[in-house]
């Protein structure tokens, strides 16, 4: 059976999503962690003000853990879609549902991906590949 036309586009979206999540992790590391560790910057340099916010460090660590989990989910879904595996379609559907929370652009893209991956011809492609 022929690969559905937009399947590669959905896989590319999975990889773009993973990259955007990686940018989020970098932003936390550059901007939020130094502040939680008691450092602050000004034009002359960086100073330590001695107050370490343990709660913020814990919360940021949890956020980074979940962002890494979503990166793994996105990359696995994209690879699975490109390989034509049913688990890739399932992971991509889960990722699309999670993207619904990213209003407004993620919501629109999540709905479009859900509609596309549940179309009968796309579903049939993955069932035949098994």
Protein backbone atom coordinates (compact mmCIF):
# COMPACT_ATOMS: atom_id res chain seq x y z
CA UNK A 1 0.00 0.00 0.00
CA UNK A 2 1.17 3.51 -0.85
CA UNK A 3 2.31 5.74 2.02
CA UNK A 4 -0.28 8.47 2.77
CA UNK A 5 0.69 11.85 1.35
CA UNK A 6 0.90 13.99 4.48
CA UNK A 7 2.45 11.36 6.74
CA UNK A 8 5.95 12.76 6.25
CA UNK A 9 4.65 16.23 7.12
CA UNK A 10 3.18 14.92 10.39
CA UNK A 11 6.50 13.21 11.18
CA UNK A 12 8.36 16.46 10.49
CA UNK A 13 5.97 18.23 12.86
CA UNK A 14 6.91 15.68 15.53
CA UNK A 15 10.60 16.56 15.09
CA UNK A 16 9.88 20.31 15.09
CA UNK A 17 7.88 19.83 18.28
CA UNK A 18 10.85 18.05 19.88
CA UNK A 19 13.16 20.89 18.84
CA UNK A 20 10.83 23.50 20.34
CA UNK A 21 10.74 21.54 23.58
CA UNK A 22 14.54 21.47 23.57
CA UNK A 23 14.54 25.26 23.25
CA UNK A 24 12.26 25.36 26.30
CA UNK A 25 14.75 23.29 28.28
CA UNK A 26 17.57 25.61 27.21
CA UNK A 27 15.53 28.65 28.27
CA UNK A 28 14.94 27.14 31.71
CA UNK A 29 18.65 26.41 32.04
CA UNK A 30 19.75 29.87 30.96
CA UNK A 31 17.15 32.07 32.62
CA UNK A 32 15.37 30.27 35.46
CA UNK A 33 17.99 28.05 37.08
CA UNK A 34 20.55 30.82 37.75
CA UNK A 35 17.87 32.89 39.46
CA UNK A 36 16.77 29.90 41.57
CA UNK A 37 20.39 29.26 42.53
CA UNK A 38 20.76 32.82 43.80
CA UNK A 39 22.56 34.45 40.89
CA UNK A 40 21.38 37.58 39.16
CA UNK A 41 22.86 39.44 36.27
CA UNK A 42 23.43 43.10 35.53
CA UNK A 43 25.45 44.91 32.86
CA UNK A 44 28.68 44.73 34.90
CA UNK A 45 28.53 40.99 35.49
CA UNK A 46 26.85 38.32 37.59
CA UNK A 47 26.51 38.45 41.38
CA UNK A 48 25.47 35.90 43.95
CA UNK A 49 22.85 37.15 46.39
CA UNK A 50 23.00 34.06 48.58
CA UNK A 51 19.35 33.02 48.58
CA UNK A 52 18.84 29.57 47.05
CA UNK A 53 15.21 28.73 46.32
CA UNK A 54 14.99 24.96 46.80
CA UNK A 55 11.31 24.84 45.83
CA UNK A 56 12.03 26.58 42.54
CA UNK A 57 14.92 24.24 41.81
CA UNK A 58 12.68 21.22 42.49
CA UNK A 59 9.89 22.61 40.31
CA UNK A 60 12.25 23.44 37.47
CA UNK A 61 13.78 19.96 37.68
CA UNK A 62 10.32 18.40 37.38
CA UNK A 63 9.56 20.66 34.39
CA UNK A 64 12.79 19.64 32.67
CA UNK A 65 12.03 15.95 33.33
CA UNK A 66 8.61 16.26 31.67
CA UNK A 67 10.01 18.25 28.75
CA UNK A 68 12.60 15.51 28.15
CA UNK A 69 9.83 12.91 28.31
CA UNK A 70 7.84 14.83 25.69
CA UNK A 71 10.95 15.14 23.52
CA UNK A 72 11.40 11.37 23.61
CA UNK A 73 7.69 10.94 22.84
CA UNK A 74 7.89 13.30 19.85
CA UNK A 75 11.04 11.78 18.37
CA UNK A 76 9.75 8.23 18.83
CA UNK A 77 6.44 9.15 17.21
CA UNK A 78 8.16 10.78 14.24
CA UNK A 79 10.47 7.83 13.70
CA UNK A 80 7.58 5.39 14.04
CA UNK A 81 5.53 7.31 11.47
CA UNK A 82 8.40 7.36 8.98
CA UNK A 83 8.91 3.61 9.46
CA UNK A 84 5.18 2.95 9.06
CA UNK A 85 4.80 1.34 12.48
CA UNK A 86 1.48 1.23 14.30
CA UNK A 87 3.12 2.25 17.57
CA UNK A 88 4.38 5.41 15.84
CA UNK A 89 0.82 6.32 14.92
CA UNK A 90 -0.33 5.65 18.49
CA UNK A 91 2.45 7.76 20.00
CA UNK A 92 1.71 10.55 17.50
CA UNK A 93 -1.96 10.51 18.45
CA UNK A 94 -1.01 10.78 22.14
CA UNK A 95 1.34 13.64 21.30
CA UNK A 96 -1.40 15.39 19.30
CA UNK A 97 -3.76 15.14 22.28
CA UNK A 98 -1.08 16.68 24.52
CA UNK A 99 -0.56 19.44 21.93
CA UNK A 100 -4.20 20.43 22.31
CA UNK A 101 -3.17 22.16 25.54
CA UNK A 102 -0.75 24.49 23.69
CA UNK A 103 -3.25 27.19 22.76
CA UNK A 104 -3.64 28.49 20.02
CA UNK A 105 -1.15 27.05 17.51
CA UNK A 106 -0.66 23.70 19.22
CA UNK A 107 -4.42 23.29 19.49
CA UNK A 108 -4.94 23.84 15.78
CA UNK A 109 -2.08 21.56 14.77
CA UNK A 110 -3.14 18.93 17.32
CA UNK A 111 -6.69 18.85 15.92
CA UNK A 112 -5.40 18.60 12.34
CA UNK A 113 -3.00 15.78 13.22
CA UNK A 114 -5.76 13.92 15.10
CA UNK A 115 -8.12 14.24 12.15
CA UNK A 116 -5.44 13.08 9.71
CA UNK A 117 -4.17 10.12 11.74
CA UNK A 118 -7.70 8.82 12.33
CA UNK A 119 -8.71 8.94 8.65
CA UNK A 120 -9.64 5.48 7.34
CA UNK A 121 -6.92 5.35 4.66
CA UNK A 122 -4.17 6.34 7.11
CA UNK A 123 -5.44 3.88 9.71
CA UNK A 124 -5.57 1.17 7.03
CA UNK A 125 -1.98 1.92 5.97
CA UNK A 126 -0.74 1.21 9.48
CA UNK A 127 -2.90 -1.91 9.86
CA UNK A 128 -1.57 -3.36 6.58
CA UNK A 129 2.04 -2.60 7.60
CA UNK A 130 1.69 -4.75 10.76
